[in-house]
Amino acid sequence: MADEVRTLAQRTQQSTAEIESLIMALQGGAQQAVTVMAQSCEKADKTVSQAQQAGESLNKITQAVGDILNVNTQIASAAEEQSATTAEITRNINNIQSIAEQTAQGAEQTATSSNELSKLGEHLRGLVAQFKV
C-alpha cells in the first residue's frame, strides 16, 4: 500500500509539474499575445495618423485642382475676349483698307479730272488768244 501511495504521490507530483508547465506556457503565450496586441495597437495608431495625413493631402490636392480650374476658366475667358478683339481689329483694318482704296480711286479720278481741266484750260487759252481786241 505504501508503494501505491508513493506511486500516487509521484504521479500527482508529475501531474502538478505538467500542469505547472502548461500554465507557464499559457502565461507565456498570453504575454506574447499581449505584446503582439500592443504592437498592433501602435501600428493601427500610426495607420490612422497616416490616413489622416493622406486625407489632408488629398484635400489640399483637391483645392489646388479647383484653383487650377478657376485659372483655366479665366484664361479661356481672356482668350475669348482677345479673339473677339482681334476679330474687331481685323474688321476695322478691312474697313480702313476699303476706305483707302476708295480714297485712292477718288485721288486718281481727281488727277484725271485735273489733267482734263488743265487741257481744257489750255484749249480755252488758245481760243481766247485767237480773239484780238
Protein backbone atom coordinates (compact mmCIF):
# COMPACT_ATOMS: atom_id res chain seq x y z
CA MET A 1 0.00 0.00 0.00
CA ALA A 2 2.84 2.35 0.76
CA ASP A 3 4.11 1.72 -2.77
CA GLU A 4 0.76 2.64 -4.15
CA VAL A 5 0.72 5.85 -2.11
CA ARG A 6 4.23 6.66 -3.30
CA THR A 7 3.33 5.93 -6.88
CA LEU A 8 0.20 8.03 -6.50
CA ALA A 9 2.23 10.83 -4.91
CA GLN A 10 4.77 10.58 -7.70
CA ARG A 11 2.02 10.74 -10.33
CA THR A 12 0.45 13.66 -8.52
CA GLN A 13 3.82 15.41 -8.46
CA GLN A 14 4.36 14.70 -12.16
CA SER A 15 0.84 15.86 -12.99
CA THR A 16 1.38 19.02 -10.94
CA ALA A 17 4.66 19.64 -12.78
CA GLU A 18 2.94 19.09 -16.12
CA ILE A 19 0.08 21.41 -15.12
CA GLU A 20 2.59 24.00 -13.91
CA SER A 21 4.46 23.68 -17.23
CA LEU A 22 1.21 24.08 -19.17
CA ILE A 23 0.22 27.11 -17.07
CA MET A 24 3.64 28.69 -17.67
CA ALA A 25 3.35 28.00 -21.42
CA LEU A 26 -0.13 29.50 -21.38
CA GLN A 27 1.10 32.55 -19.47
CA GLY A 28 4.00 32.92 -21.93
CA GLY A 29 1.56 32.65 -24.87
CA ALA A 30 -0.76 35.16 -23.23
CA GLN A 31 2.16 37.53 -22.65
CA GLN A 32 3.19 37.18 -26.30
CA ALA A 33 -0.40 37.83 -27.35
CA VAL A 34 -0.46 40.98 -25.18
CA THR A 35 2.83 42.13 -26.74
CA VAL A 36 1.57 41.47 -30.27
CA MET A 37 -1.70 43.27 -29.48
CA ALA A 38 0.21 46.27 -28.12
CA GLN A 39 2.34 46.35 -31.27
CA SER A 40 -0.79 46.04 -33.38
CA CYS A 41 -2.35 48.97 -31.50
CA GLU A 42 0.75 51.09 -32.17
CA LYS A 43 0.68 50.15 -35.84
CA ALA A 44 -3.05 50.88 -36.01
CA ASP A 45 -2.46 54.31 -34.43
CA LYS A 46 0.28 55.01 -36.99
CA THR A 47 -2.01 53.85 -39.79
CA VAL A 48 -4.81 56.13 -38.57
CA SER A 49 -2.35 59.04 -38.40
CA GLN A 50 -1.05 58.32 -41.90
CA ALA A 51 -4.62 58.02 -43.21
CA GLN A 52 -5.44 61.42 -41.70
CA GLN A 53 -2.34 62.93 -43.29
CA ALA A 54 -3.27 61.34 -46.63
CA GLY A 55 -6.79 62.79 -46.29
CA GLU A 56 -5.37 66.24 -45.59
CA SER A 57 -3.04 65.90 -48.59
CA LEU A 58 -5.95 64.85 -50.79
CA ASN A 59 -7.94 67.88 -49.58
CA LYS A 60 -5.01 70.15 -50.47
CA ILE A 61 -4.73 68.49 -53.89
CA THR A 62 -8.47 68.93 -54.46
CA GLN A 63 -8.18 72.61 -53.52
CA ALA A 64 -5.20 73.04 -55.87
CA VAL A 65 -7.09 71.36 -58.72
CA GLY A 66 -10.02 73.71 -58.06
CA ASP A 67 -7.68 76.70 -58.17
CA ILE A 68 -6.19 75.43 -61.44
CA LEU A 69 -9.68 75.03 -62.92
CA ASN A 70 -10.51 78.62 -61.93
CA VAL A 71 -7.32 79.89 -63.55
CA ASN A 72 -8.06 77.83 -66.68
CA THR A 73 -11.53 79.37 -66.83
CA GLN A 74 -10.07 82.85 -66.53
CA ILE A 75 -7.52 82.06 -69.26
CA ALA A 76 -10.26 80.73 -71.55
CA SER A 77 -12.34 83.85 -70.92
CA ALA A 78 -9.37 86.12 -71.65
CA ALA A 79 -8.62 84.15 -74.82
CA GLU A 80 -12.23 84.60 -75.97
CA GLU A 81 -12.01 88.32 -75.29
CA GLN A 82 -8.73 88.54 -77.20
CA SER A 83 -10.25 86.59 -80.08
CA ALA A 84 -13.24 88.95 -80.21
CA THR A 85 -10.92 91.96 -80.06
CA THR A 86 -8.76 90.50 -82.82
CA ALA A 87 -11.84 89.95 -84.99
CA GLU A 88 -12.94 93.55 -84.40
CA ILE A 89 -9.45 94.85 -85.25
CA THR A 90 -9.49 92.75 -88.43
CA ARG A 91 -12.88 94.24 -89.40
CA ASN A 92 -11.57 97.75 -88.72
CA ILE A 93 -8.43 97.11 -90.79
CA ASN A 94 -10.58 95.80 -93.65
CA ASN A 95 -12.75 98.95 -93.39
CA ILE A 96 -9.65 101.15 -93.41
CA GLN A 97 -8.31 99.27 -96.44
CA SER A 98 -11.62 99.72 -98.24
CA ILE A 99 -11.67 103.45 -97.41
CA ALA A 100 -8.03 103.75 -98.53
CA GLU A 101 -8.89 102.06 -101.82
CA GLN A 102 -11.85 104.41 -102.30
CA THR A 103 -9.62 107.36 -101.44
CA ALA A 104 -7.01 106.15 -103.95
CA GLN A 105 -9.71 105.83 -106.63
CA GLY A 106 -11.00 109.31 -105.75
CA ALA A 107 -7.46 110.71 -105.95
CA GLU A 108 -6.97 109.01 -109.30
CA GLN A 109 -10.26 110.45 -110.57
CA THR A 110 -9.25 113.88 -109.21
CA ALA A 111 -5.89 113.62 -111.01
CA THR A 112 -7.62 112.59 -114.22
CA SER A 113 -10.13 115.44 -113.81
CA SER A 114 -7.29 117.87 -113.08
CA ASN A 115 -5.48 116.76 -116.24
CA GLU A 116 -8.63 117.17 -118.29
CA LEU A 117 -9.31 120.56 -116.68
CA SER A 118 -5.73 121.60 -117.43
CA LYS A 119 -6.16 120.52 -121.05
CA LEU A 120 -9.45 122.41 -121.25
CA GLY A 121 -7.77 125.48 -119.71
CA GLU A 122 -5.02 125.29 -122.30
CA HIS A 123 -7.57 124.85 -125.04
CA LEU A 124 -9.57 127.79 -123.69
CA ARG A 125 -6.43 129.90 -123.52
CA GLY A 126 -5.75 129.02 -127.13
CA LEU A 127 -9.28 130.01 -128.08
CA VAL A 128 -9.07 133.25 -126.12
CA ALA A 129 -5.74 134.03 -127.73
CA GLN A 130 -7.43 133.92 -131.15
CA PHE A 131 -9.62 136.85 -130.21
CA LYS A 132 -7.79 140.12 -130.56
CA VAL A 133 -9.20 143.17 -129.05
